[in-house]
Amino acid sequence: MLIVVGGFSSLREAPGGPRFADGDRVPPEYAGEAREVVRVLSVLQGVAADWVFVSPAAEFGADGPDDVRGEYRLHGDVAVFSEDGESVISGADFAQGIMGIALSDERHSREHLSLSY
């Protein structure tokens, strides 16, 4: 299975709704890249390959937490926020989530998934 890492902006605001990259919620300096990631997802959806597209939480990497919790939540293509309105995951826990997807007995073929706390 091909695992492709996308960005938060490729997630939807609500089931069946627009993606964050489709609106004006992405800062202009990142908007082009966000739309390009959505195009990558569109290309994948048009090929007959076994793939999964994984998006991190909004706060991830240099913008995310440094702590490693050793946990994550797996979601579909709708952004998930905590009760405090946060969408975060550390790089290490995101990597753990990707390994969990790769090694799981549950198949996520041709799905857009997201990982957060």
Protein backbone atom coordinates (compact mmCIF):
# COMPACT_ATOMS: atom_id res chain seq x y z
CA MET A 1 0.00 0.00 0.00
CA LEU A 2 1.20 3.48 -0.87
CA ILE A 3 0.98 5.90 2.07
CA VAL A 4 0.91 9.58 1.09
CA VAL A 5 1.26 12.30 3.71
CA GLY A 6 -0.84 15.35 2.96
CA GLY A 7 -1.60 18.48 4.89
CA PHE A 8 -4.29 19.65 7.27
CA SER A 9 -5.83 21.94 4.65
CA SER A 10 -6.87 18.95 2.54
CA LEU A 11 -9.31 17.97 5.31
CA ARG A 12 -12.98 18.91 5.20
CA GLU A 13 -14.69 21.29 7.58
CA ALA A 14 -17.75 19.00 7.77
CA PRO A 15 -18.82 15.69 6.18
CA GLY A 16 -19.19 16.27 2.44
CA GLY A 17 -18.29 19.93 2.91
CA PRO A 18 -15.52 22.00 1.41
CA ARG A 19 -11.89 21.41 2.22
CA PHE A 20 -10.01 24.07 4.17
CA ALA A 21 -7.86 24.60 1.06
CA ASP A 22 -10.98 25.49 -0.96
CA GLY A 23 -11.79 28.57 1.09
CA ASP A 24 -9.90 31.57 2.34
CA ARG A 25 -8.96 30.04 5.70
CA VAL A 26 -5.42 29.22 4.54
CA PRO A 27 -2.95 32.12 4.77
CA PRO A 28 -2.07 33.41 1.28
CA GLU A 29 1.58 32.34 1.59
CA TYR A 30 0.44 28.70 2.02
CA ALA A 31 -2.69 28.65 -0.16
CA GLY A 32 -0.96 27.49 -3.36
CA GLU A 33 0.72 24.60 -1.59
CA ALA A 34 -2.54 23.65 0.14
CA ARG A 35 -4.41 23.54 -3.17
CA GLU A 36 -1.61 21.48 -4.73
CA VAL A 37 -1.92 18.86 -1.98
CA VAL A 38 -5.64 18.60 -2.77
CA ARG A 39 -4.72 18.06 -6.43
CA VAL A 40 -2.42 15.21 -5.38
CA LEU A 41 -5.37 13.63 -3.54
CA SER A 42 -7.55 14.08 -6.64
CA VAL A 43 -4.97 12.31 -8.80
CA LEU A 44 -4.81 9.41 -6.35
CA GLN A 45 -8.59 9.09 -6.39
CA GLY A 46 -8.42 8.63 -10.16
CA VAL A 47 -5.98 5.72 -10.20
CA ALA A 48 -6.61 2.06 -9.48
CA ALA A 49 -3.88 1.68 -6.87
CA ASP A 50 -3.92 0.73 -3.21
CA TRP A 51 -3.22 3.98 -1.35
CA VAL A 52 -4.05 5.86 1.82
CA PHE A 53 -3.70 9.64 2.17
CA VAL A 54 -2.92 10.76 5.73
CA SER A 55 -3.27 14.33 7.01
CA PRO A 56 -1.89 15.60 10.31
CA ALA A 57 -3.68 17.87 12.76
CA ALA A 58 -3.58 21.64 12.19
CA GLU A 59 -0.75 22.10 14.68
CA PHE A 60 1.97 19.70 13.61
CA GLY A 61 5.71 19.73 13.06
CA ALA A 62 7.37 23.04 13.88
CA ASP A 63 3.94 24.45 14.80
CA GLY A 64 2.95 21.48 16.95
CA PRO A 65 3.81 20.15 20.38
CA ASP A 66 7.22 18.70 21.17
CA ASP A 67 5.91 16.22 23.72
CA VAL A 68 5.40 12.60 22.80
CA ARG A 69 2.23 11.13 24.26
CA GLY A 70 2.46 7.70 22.65
CA GLU A 71 -1.14 7.98 21.49
CA TYR A 72 -3.22 9.33 18.63
CA ARG A 73 -6.76 9.22 17.26
CA LEU A 74 -7.50 8.06 13.72
CA HIS A 75 -10.24 9.93 11.85
CA GLY A 76 -11.63 10.24 8.36
CA ASP A 77 -11.31 13.28 6.09
CA VAL A 78 -13.10 15.72 8.42
CA ALA A 79 -10.92 17.85 10.70
CA VAL A 80 -11.33 17.01 14.38
CA PHE A 81 -10.82 19.50 17.17
CA SER A 82 -10.64 19.03 20.93
CA GLU A 83 -13.16 20.57 23.30
CA ASP A 84 -10.70 23.47 23.60
CA GLY A 85 -10.80 24.02 19.84
CA GLU A 86 -7.32 22.58 19.27
CA SER A 87 -6.19 20.26 16.51
CA VAL A 88 -2.69 19.06 17.42
CA ILE A 89 -0.31 16.12 17.21
CA SER A 90 3.45 15.81 17.67
CA GLY A 91 5.63 14.61 14.83
CA ALA A 92 6.56 11.47 16.76
CA ASP A 93 2.95 10.54 17.46
CA PHE A 94 2.00 11.28 13.84
CA ALA A 95 4.74 8.86 12.76
CA GLN A 96 3.41 6.28 15.23
CA GLY A 97 -0.04 6.70 13.70
CA ILE A 98 1.28 6.15 10.19
CA MET A 99 3.02 2.98 11.34
CA GLY A 100 -0.23 1.90 12.97
CA ILE A 101 -2.05 2.34 9.66
CA ALA A 102 0.66 0.47 7.76
CA LEU A 103 0.75 -2.46 10.16
CA SER A 104 -2.95 -2.71 10.97
CA ASP A 105 -5.03 -5.69 9.95
CA GLU A 106 -7.78 -3.20 9.09
CA ARG A 107 -7.40 -2.04 5.51
CA HIS A 108 -7.77 1.63 4.71
CA SER A 109 -7.45 1.29 0.97
CA ARG A 110 -8.19 4.44 -1.04
CA GLU A 111 -9.12 6.48 2.03
CA HIS A 112 -8.25 9.96 3.25
CA LEU A 113 -7.49 9.71 6.97
CA SER A 114 -6.31 12.15 9.61
CA LEU A 115 -4.39 11.82 12.84
CA SER A 116 -4.66 14.03 15.93
CA TYR A 117 -4.94 13.80 19.70
